[in-house]
Amino acid sequence: MALSIRQNRVRRISGDPVHGVVVQGPVDGLATGTPLYSVAVQGTIDGRTTCRPRDWRFGTWNVGTLTGKSLEVVEELQRRMVDVAALQEIRWKGESTKFVGAKGGRYKLWWKGDDSTGGVGVMVREELVEKVLEVRRRSNGVIVVVMVFGKVIVRAISGYAPQQSRKEEEKDRFYDDVSDEIGQAGLDEFVVLLGDLNGHVGADADGYEGVHGEWGYGIRNEEGRRVLELADAHSMVVGNTWFTREPARLITYRSGEHRSMIDYILVRAKHRKYVKNVKAIPGMLQHSMVVMDVTSKEMGRRKKDKSNVAEGKADDSLIRQEDVEDEMNETNLEEHPDVMEQHEEMQKHGGQPA
């Protein structure tokens, strides 16, 4: 078989991820030296192994607490192939950074918590840690990690909104912080808000067409309206509501007989076409993990020649060597001064391009 890698056993089942290994020999669609943590085996043709870029997967999860179960959380993130995970209600005090998990399958966690009842964090798969440009700890309910995927800057915001019974001042402060972080993003940044927003957006759009995709759950309340207002103000969409799903894939919170959707993933409306999937994954906790898959070829892809597109020569379903090298090459920030300079320049101008 043409696949030669630094690992004795690799499952070669269609769609399988291949973690922690590097191409040493010829593999259809991949260059020698390509890291395989973001690659899935596509199949075999005439005995040759073919690979394709794996989509980037973002997730959000209210874990209740990380105390005593951080390893379980990491194992579940690995099993679900999550690259970047926003965590809420971690209940760790202070703010710091640490690796969690066994070597070879670890995630790096950045967190902030003011007390033992809330707190937020972001976990990034170890292979992607070098892509992190900046971490911003806004509050007990908002933390932001800015990364570079290919040539695209990604701003991942983990948010934990105050519960319905909390004071309006707290809610206002949370939404002001989130709104400010979204507003600081450059026009071309891929902005994603992931979190437990403690609101019900309702089953139907009902006045928020273009923001709500008509596939929600439950009855809208005031907190859900605030979620929709935030999205509308920043030209974003509530990703959970844009895919036809059975209730089990819409419900994100279960308590006894109570069911609701309160954990969300929001992206800019102009980027919705790159989102392939958003769904809840019922699991061991009251809150379900919610995941979003983004087409990896769109994260840093180069613009195609318009004449080729017009002639029908550009085919996104085909894996070209140059596309894979662009997308899958391990990102050394020193090799991308244009991206670094763009990010630094935006920070000087309040997050907006100069």
Protein backbone atom coordinates (compact mmCIF):
# COMPACT_ATOMS: atom_id res chain seq x y z
CA MET A 1 0.00 0.00 0.00
CA ALA A 2 1.29 3.45 -0.87
CA LEU A 3 0.55 4.92 2.58
CA SER A 4 3.72 5.29 4.63
CA ILE A 5 3.42 6.99 8.01
CA ARG A 6 5.08 7.11 11.42
CA GLN A 7 2.60 4.89 13.13
CA ASN A 8 2.19 1.15 13.01
CA ARG A 9 -1.58 0.95 13.13
CA VAL A 10 -3.92 3.27 11.32
CA ARG A 11 -7.51 2.32 10.61
CA ARG A 12 -8.20 2.80 6.92
CA ILE A 13 -11.97 3.07 7.08
CA SER A 14 -13.64 5.70 4.94
CA GLY A 15 -14.06 8.89 6.93
CA ASP A 16 -11.70 7.88 9.73
CA PRO A 17 -9.51 10.64 11.16
CA VAL A 18 -5.79 9.97 11.29
CA HIS A 19 -4.30 11.69 14.34
CA GLY A 20 -0.73 12.47 15.33
CA VAL A 21 1.05 11.17 12.24
CA VAL A 22 2.83 12.66 9.24
CA VAL A 23 2.96 11.56 5.61
CA GLN A 24 6.33 9.99 4.76
CA GLY A 25 5.48 8.36 1.47
CA PRO A 26 3.09 9.01 -1.43
CA VAL A 27 -0.60 9.36 -0.58
CA ASP A 28 -3.06 10.51 -3.24
CA GLY A 29 -3.95 14.15 -2.63
CA LEU A 30 -1.32 14.79 0.07
CA ALA A 31 2.24 16.07 -0.01
CA THR A 32 5.08 14.50 1.95
CA GLY A 33 5.28 16.16 5.37
CA THR A 34 1.57 16.94 5.53
CA PRO A 35 0.22 16.60 9.10
CA LEU A 36 -2.67 14.16 9.24
CA TYR A 37 -4.54 15.35 12.34
CA SER A 38 -7.02 17.13 10.09
CA VAL A 39 -7.24 14.48 7.40
CA ALA A 40 -9.66 11.62 6.94
CA VAL A 41 -9.11 8.51 4.86
CA GLN A 42 -11.39 8.77 1.85
CA GLY A 43 -10.95 5.27 0.47
CA THR A 44 -8.73 3.24 -1.81
CA ILE A 45 -8.41 3.28 -5.58
CA ASP A 46 -6.43 0.48 -7.23
CA GLY A 47 -4.86 -0.34 -3.88
CA ARG A 48 -3.81 3.25 -3.21
CA THR A 49 -5.02 5.11 -0.15
CA THR A 50 -6.69 8.46 -0.90
CA CYS A 51 -7.22 11.17 1.68
CA ARG A 52 -9.28 14.33 1.97
CA PRO A 53 -9.13 17.30 4.32
CA ARG A 54 -11.37 16.76 7.35
CA ASP A 55 -13.82 19.56 8.12
CA TRP A 56 -13.04 21.81 11.04
CA ARG A 57 -15.32 20.99 13.95
CA PHE A 58 -16.27 23.54 16.61
CA GLY A 59 -18.22 22.59 19.71
CA THR A 60 -19.87 24.12 22.74
CA TRP A 61 -20.64 22.33 25.98
CA ASN A 62 -21.88 23.34 29.41
CA VAL A 63 -20.01 20.72 31.42
CA GLY A 64 -21.48 21.55 34.85
CA THR A 65 -17.96 21.42 36.31
CA LEU A 66 -14.52 20.33 35.17
CA THR A 67 -13.51 19.31 38.65
CA GLY A 68 -12.97 15.56 38.70
CA LYS A 69 -14.03 15.01 35.08
CA SER A 70 -11.69 17.03 32.87
CA LEU A 71 -10.25 13.80 31.40
CA GLU A 72 -13.74 12.54 30.58
CA VAL A 73 -14.49 15.80 28.81
CA VAL A 74 -11.30 15.52 26.74
CA GLU A 75 -12.06 11.91 25.85
CA GLU A 76 -15.52 12.91 24.62
CA LEU A 77 -14.11 15.80 22.58
CA GLN A 78 -11.62 13.41 20.99
CA ARG A 79 -14.32 10.86 20.26
CA ARG A 80 -16.44 13.54 18.62
CA MET A 81 -13.43 14.88 16.69
CA VAL A 82 -13.85 18.43 18.04
CA ASP A 83 -11.01 20.81 17.16
CA VAL A 84 -12.07 23.88 19.17
CA ALA A 85 -14.46 23.57 22.12
CA ALA A 86 -16.13 26.35 24.10
CA LEU A 87 -16.87 25.27 27.66
CA GLN A 88 -19.23 26.83 30.18
CA GLU A 89 -19.82 26.43 33.90
CA ILE A 90 -16.40 24.92 34.44
CA ARG A 91 -16.40 26.13 38.08
CA TRP A 92 -12.67 26.74 38.23
CA LYS A 93 -11.53 29.93 39.97
CA GLY A 94 -9.00 32.36 38.63
CA GLU A 95 -7.57 32.39 35.12
CA SER A 96 -4.82 30.28 33.65
CA THR A 97 -3.82 27.79 30.98
CA LYS A 98 -3.01 24.08 31.06
CA PHE A 99 -2.90 20.97 28.93
CA VAL A 100 -5.51 18.32 29.73
CA GLY A 101 -5.38 14.68 28.66
CA ALA A 102 -2.77 12.11 27.77
CA LYS A 103 0.16 13.04 25.55
CA GLY A 104 -0.71 12.62 21.92
CA GLY A 105 -4.39 13.36 22.53
CA ARG A 106 -4.32 16.47 24.67
CA TYR A 107 -6.22 19.73 24.51
CA LYS A 108 -4.96 23.07 25.76
CA LEU A 109 -7.43 24.85 28.01
CA TRP A 110 -7.64 28.59 28.58
CA TRP A 111 -10.12 29.58 31.27
CA LYS A 112 -11.46 32.33 33.51
CA GLY A 113 -13.68 32.05 36.57
CA ASP A 114 -14.49 34.55 39.31
CA ASP A 115 -16.18 32.08 41.62
CA SER A 116 -17.07 28.41 41.91
CA THR A 117 -20.49 28.69 40.22
CA GLY A 118 -19.69 29.68 36.65
CA GLY A 119 -16.64 30.27 34.53
CA VAL A 120 -15.82 29.78 30.88
CA GLY A 121 -13.01 28.22 28.89
CA VAL A 122 -11.85 27.23 25.44
CA MET A 123 -10.12 23.94 24.63
CA VAL A 124 -8.01 23.64 21.48
CA ARG A 125 -6.68 20.37 20.12
CA GLU A 126 -2.94 20.12 20.82
CA GLU A 127 -1.97 20.02 17.14
CA LEU A 128 -3.74 23.34 16.60
CA VAL A 129 -2.33 25.23 19.59
CA GLU A 130 0.35 26.92 17.51
CA LYS A 131 -2.41 28.51 15.46
CA VAL A 132 -3.59 30.59 18.44
CA LEU A 133 -2.82 34.29 18.03
CA GLU A 134 -4.48 35.78 21.09
CA VAL A 135 -6.61 34.96 24.13
CA ARG A 136 -8.93 37.56 25.66
CA ARG A 137 -10.51 36.88 29.04
CA ARG A 138 -13.34 39.38 29.25
CA SER A 139 -15.26 38.13 32.26
CA ASN A 140 -16.59 35.15 34.17
CA GLY A 141 -18.95 34.65 31.22
CA VAL A 142 -16.90 35.59 28.14
CA ILE A 143 -13.54 34.34 26.87
CA VAL A 144 -12.21 34.71 23.33
CA VAL A 145 -9.56 32.78 21.42
CA VAL A 146 -8.31 34.21 18.12
CA MET A 147 -6.69 31.70 15.76
CA VAL A 148 -5.45 31.49 12.20
CA PHE A 149 -6.66 28.63 10.00
CA GLY A 150 -4.84 28.75 6.70
CA LYS A 151 -5.18 32.42 5.73
CA VAL A 152 -8.36 33.09 7.69
CA ILE A 153 -8.49 34.59 11.17
CA VAL A 154 -11.02 32.77 13.36
CA ARG A 155 -12.48 34.45 16.44
CA ALA A 156 -14.07 31.85 18.74
CA ILE A 157 -16.11 33.34 21.60
CA SER A 158 -17.20 31.16 24.50
CA GLY A 159 -20.18 32.69 26.28
CA TYR A 160 -22.16 31.81 29.39
CA ALA A 161 -25.15 34.12 29.72
CA PRO A 162 -26.71 34.87 33.13
CA GLN A 163 -29.72 32.74 33.91
CA GLN A 164 -33.24 34.11 33.63
CA SER A 165 -33.45 34.88 37.36
CA ARG A 166 -30.30 37.04 37.41
CA LYS A 167 -30.35 40.84 37.47
CA GLU A 168 -30.86 42.76 34.24
CA GLU A 169 -27.58 44.60 34.84
CA GLU A 170 -25.70 41.30 34.65
CA LYS A 171 -27.44 40.36 31.43
CA ASP A 172 -26.73 43.75 29.91
CA ARG A 173 -23.06 43.49 30.84
CA PHE A 174 -22.78 40.04 29.28
CA TYR A 175 -24.35 41.10 25.99
CA ASP A 176 -22.27 44.29 25.93
CA ASP A 177 -19.08 42.22 26.31
CA VAL A 178 -20.09 39.76 23.58
CA SER A 179 -21.22 42.54 21.26
CA ASP A 180 -17.94 44.38 21.76
CA GLU A 181 -15.91 41.27 20.95
CA ILE A 182 -17.88 40.63 17.77
CA GLY A 183 -17.53 44.28 16.83
CA GLN A 184 -13.75 44.15 17.16
CA ALA A 185 -13.47 41.45 14.51
CA GLY A 186 -12.25 42.33 11.07
CA LEU A 187 -14.68 42.19 8.18
CA ASP A 188 -13.16 38.98 6.81
CA GLU A 189 -12.77 37.17 10.12
CA PHE A 190 -14.69 33.98 10.69
CA VAL A 191 -16.54 34.87 13.90
CA VAL A 192 -18.28 32.15 15.89
CA LEU A 193 -20.14 32.61 19.17
CA LEU A 194 -20.53 29.34 21.05
CA GLY A 195 -22.21 28.99 24.38
CA ASP A 196 -24.97 28.47 26.88
CA LEU A 197 -27.01 31.61 26.25
CA ASN A 198 -29.86 30.65 28.60
CA GLY A 199 -32.60 31.73 26.21
CA HIS A 200 -35.29 30.10 24.08
CA VAL A 201 -35.29 31.39 20.50
CA GLY A 202 -38.46 29.44 19.69
CA ALA A 203 -39.43 27.00 16.99
CA ASP A 204 -40.12 29.55 14.24
CA ALA A 205 -38.45 32.67 12.88
CA ASP A 206 -41.48 34.84 13.67
CA GLY A 207 -40.00 38.24 12.78
CA TYR A 208 -36.36 37.16 12.64
CA GLU A 209 -36.25 35.70 9.16
CA GLY A 210 -32.66 35.50 7.96
CA VAL A 211 -31.42 35.09 11.52
CA HIS A 212 -33.56 32.16 12.67
CA GLY A 213 -33.72 29.28 10.18
CA GLU A 214 -37.23 28.04 11.11
CA TRP A 215 -35.92 24.84 12.73
CA GLY A 216 -35.84 25.77 16.41
CA TYR A 217 -37.46 24.29 19.47
CA GLY A 218 -39.92 25.43 22.12
CA ILE A 219 -41.48 28.81 22.80
CA ARG A 220 -39.49 32.03 22.59
CA ASN A 221 -38.85 33.99 25.78
CA GLU A 222 -37.28 37.38 26.48
CA GLU A 223 -33.79 35.89 26.85
CA GLY A 224 -34.20 34.14 23.50
CA ARG A 225 -35.25 37.42 21.92
CA ARG A 226 -31.99 38.95 23.17
CA VAL A 227 -30.05 36.18 21.45
CA LEU A 228 -31.86 36.93 18.20
CA GLU A 229 -31.39 40.69 18.62
CA LEU A 230 -27.65 40.19 19.13
CA ALA A 231 -27.41 38.04 16.03
CA ASP A 232 -29.47 40.49 13.99
CA ALA A 233 -27.38 43.47 15.12
CA HIS A 234 -24.18 41.78 13.90
CA SER A 235 -25.56 40.12 10.76
CA MET A 236 -25.24 36.65 12.25
CA VAL A 237 -27.40 33.54 12.18
CA VAL A 238 -28.35 31.02 14.86
CA GLY A 239 -26.73 27.93 13.37
CA ASN A 240 -28.82 25.42 15.33
CA THR A 241 -31.97 26.55 13.55
CA TRP A 242 -30.79 26.18 9.95
CA PHE A 243 -30.77 22.41 9.65
CA THR A 244 -33.69 20.01 9.52
CA ARG A 245 -33.41 17.97 12.67
CA GLU A 246 -35.44 15.61 14.83
CA PRO A 247 -36.06 17.03 18.34
CA ALA A 248 -33.24 14.93 19.85
CA ARG A 249 -30.75 16.89 17.73
CA LEU A 250 -32.30 20.25 18.61
CA ILE A 251 -32.71 19.84 22.36
CA THR A 252 -29.59 20.92 24.26
CA TYR A 253 -30.82 20.72 27.87
CA ARG A 254 -32.70 18.00 29.76
CA SER A 255 -33.86 18.05 33.37
CA GLY A 256 -36.49 15.48 34.33
CA GLU A 257 -39.34 15.97 31.88
CA HIS A 258 -38.13 19.43 30.89
CA ARG A 259 -36.57 19.86 27.44
CA SER A 260 -35.20 23.04 25.87
CA MET A 261 -32.73 24.56 23.44
CA ILE A 262 -30.46 27.05 25.22
CA ASP A 263 -26.96 26.22 23.89
CA TYR A 264 -26.17 27.83 20.55
CA ILE A 265 -23.63 28.37 17.82
CA LEU A 266 -23.84 31.67 15.93
CA VAL A 267 -21.86 32.61 12.82
CA ARG A 268 -21.88 35.53 10.42
CA ALA A 269 -24.63 35.24 7.83
CA LYS A 270 -22.14 35.55 4.96
CA HIS A 271 -20.30 32.47 6.26
CA ARG A 272 -23.36 30.27 6.68
CA LYS A 273 -22.77 28.71 3.26
CA TYR A 274 -19.57 27.16 4.61
CA VAL A 275 -21.31 25.54 7.58
CA LYS A 276 -22.21 21.95 6.71
CA ASN A 277 -23.83 20.86 9.93
CA VAL A 278 -24.93 21.98 13.40
CA LYS A 279 -26.44 19.48 15.81
CA ALA A 280 -26.81 18.57 19.46
CA ILE A 281 -25.26 15.30 20.65
CA PRO A 282 -27.07 13.87 23.68
CA GLY A 283 -24.63 12.49 26.21
CA MET A 284 -23.81 11.95 29.85
CA LEU A 285 -24.66 15.45 31.11
CA GLN A 286 -27.81 17.57 31.39
CA HIS A 287 -26.47 19.79 28.63
CA SER A 288 -25.78 18.23 25.26
CA MET A 289 -22.67 19.09 23.34
CA VAL A 290 -23.48 21.12 20.22
CA VAL A 291 -21.11 20.77 17.27
CA MET A 292 -20.65 22.64 14.00
CA ASP A 293 -18.75 21.39 10.95
CA VAL A 294 -17.17 23.95 8.66
CA THR A 295 -15.83 23.07 5.22
CA SER A 296 -12.09 23.12 5.71
CA LYS A 297 -11.33 24.01 2.10
CA GLU A 298 -13.13 27.31 2.64
CA MET A 299 -10.93 28.16 5.62
CA GLY A 300 -8.09 29.88 3.83
CA ARG A 301 -8.87 28.78 0.30
CA ARG A 302 -7.51 30.89 -2.48
CA LYS A 303 -9.90 32.66 -4.81
CA LYS A 304 -10.33 30.80 -8.06
CA ASP A 305 -9.82 32.43 -11.39
CA LYS A 306 -13.18 33.78 -12.55
CA SER A 307 -12.62 32.62 -16.10
CA ASN A 308 -12.15 29.04 -14.90
CA VAL A 309 -15.32 29.22 -12.84
CA ALA A 310 -17.25 30.58 -15.80
CA GLU A 311 -15.98 27.77 -17.96
CA GLY A 312 -16.89 25.21 -15.34
CA LYS A 313 -13.27 24.18 -14.78
CA ALA A 314 -13.24 24.72 -11.03
CA ASP A 315 -14.50 21.71 -9.13
CA ASP A 316 -14.54 21.94 -5.32
CA SER A 317 -15.15 18.22 -5.03
CA LEU A 318 -11.67 17.45 -6.42
CA ILE A 319 -8.67 17.54 -4.11
CA ARG A 320 -5.82 19.39 -5.79
CA GLN A 321 -2.28 19.24 -4.47
CA GLU A 322 -2.06 23.03 -4.06
CA ASP A 323 -5.37 23.15 -2.13
CA VAL A 324 -4.26 20.45 0.30
CA GLU A 325 -0.86 22.05 0.82
CA ASP A 326 -2.56 25.39 1.54
CA GLU A 327 -5.07 23.90 3.94
CA MET A 328 -3.23 21.15 5.74
CA ASN A 329 0.27 22.59 6.07
CA GLU A 330 1.10 23.04 9.73
CA THR A 331 0.75 26.74 10.40
CA ASN A 332 3.97 28.33 11.62
CA LEU A 333 2.96 31.91 12.36
CA GLU A 334 6.37 33.18 11.31
CA GLU A 335 5.61 31.83 7.84
CA HIS A 336 2.42 33.90 7.62
CA PRO A 337 3.56 37.48 8.29
CA ASP A 338 0.67 38.85 6.24
CA VAL A 339 -1.88 37.28 8.57
CA MET A 340 0.04 38.32 11.67
CA GLU A 341 0.43 41.89 10.44
CA GLN A 342 -3.27 42.06 9.57
CA HIS A 343 -4.24 40.89 13.05
CA GLU A 344 -1.83 43.25 14.82
CA GLU A 345 -2.96 46.19 12.70
CA MET A 346 -6.60 45.51 13.54
CA GLN A 347 -5.81 45.52 17.27
CA LYS A 348 -4.30 49.00 16.90
CA HIS A 349 -7.51 50.25 15.31
CA GLY A 350 -9.99 48.74 17.71
CA GLY A 351 -10.40 45.51 15.78
CA GLN A 352 -11.20 47.14 12.45
CA PRO A 353 -8.98 47.05 9.36
CA ALA A 354 -6.79 50.14 9.03
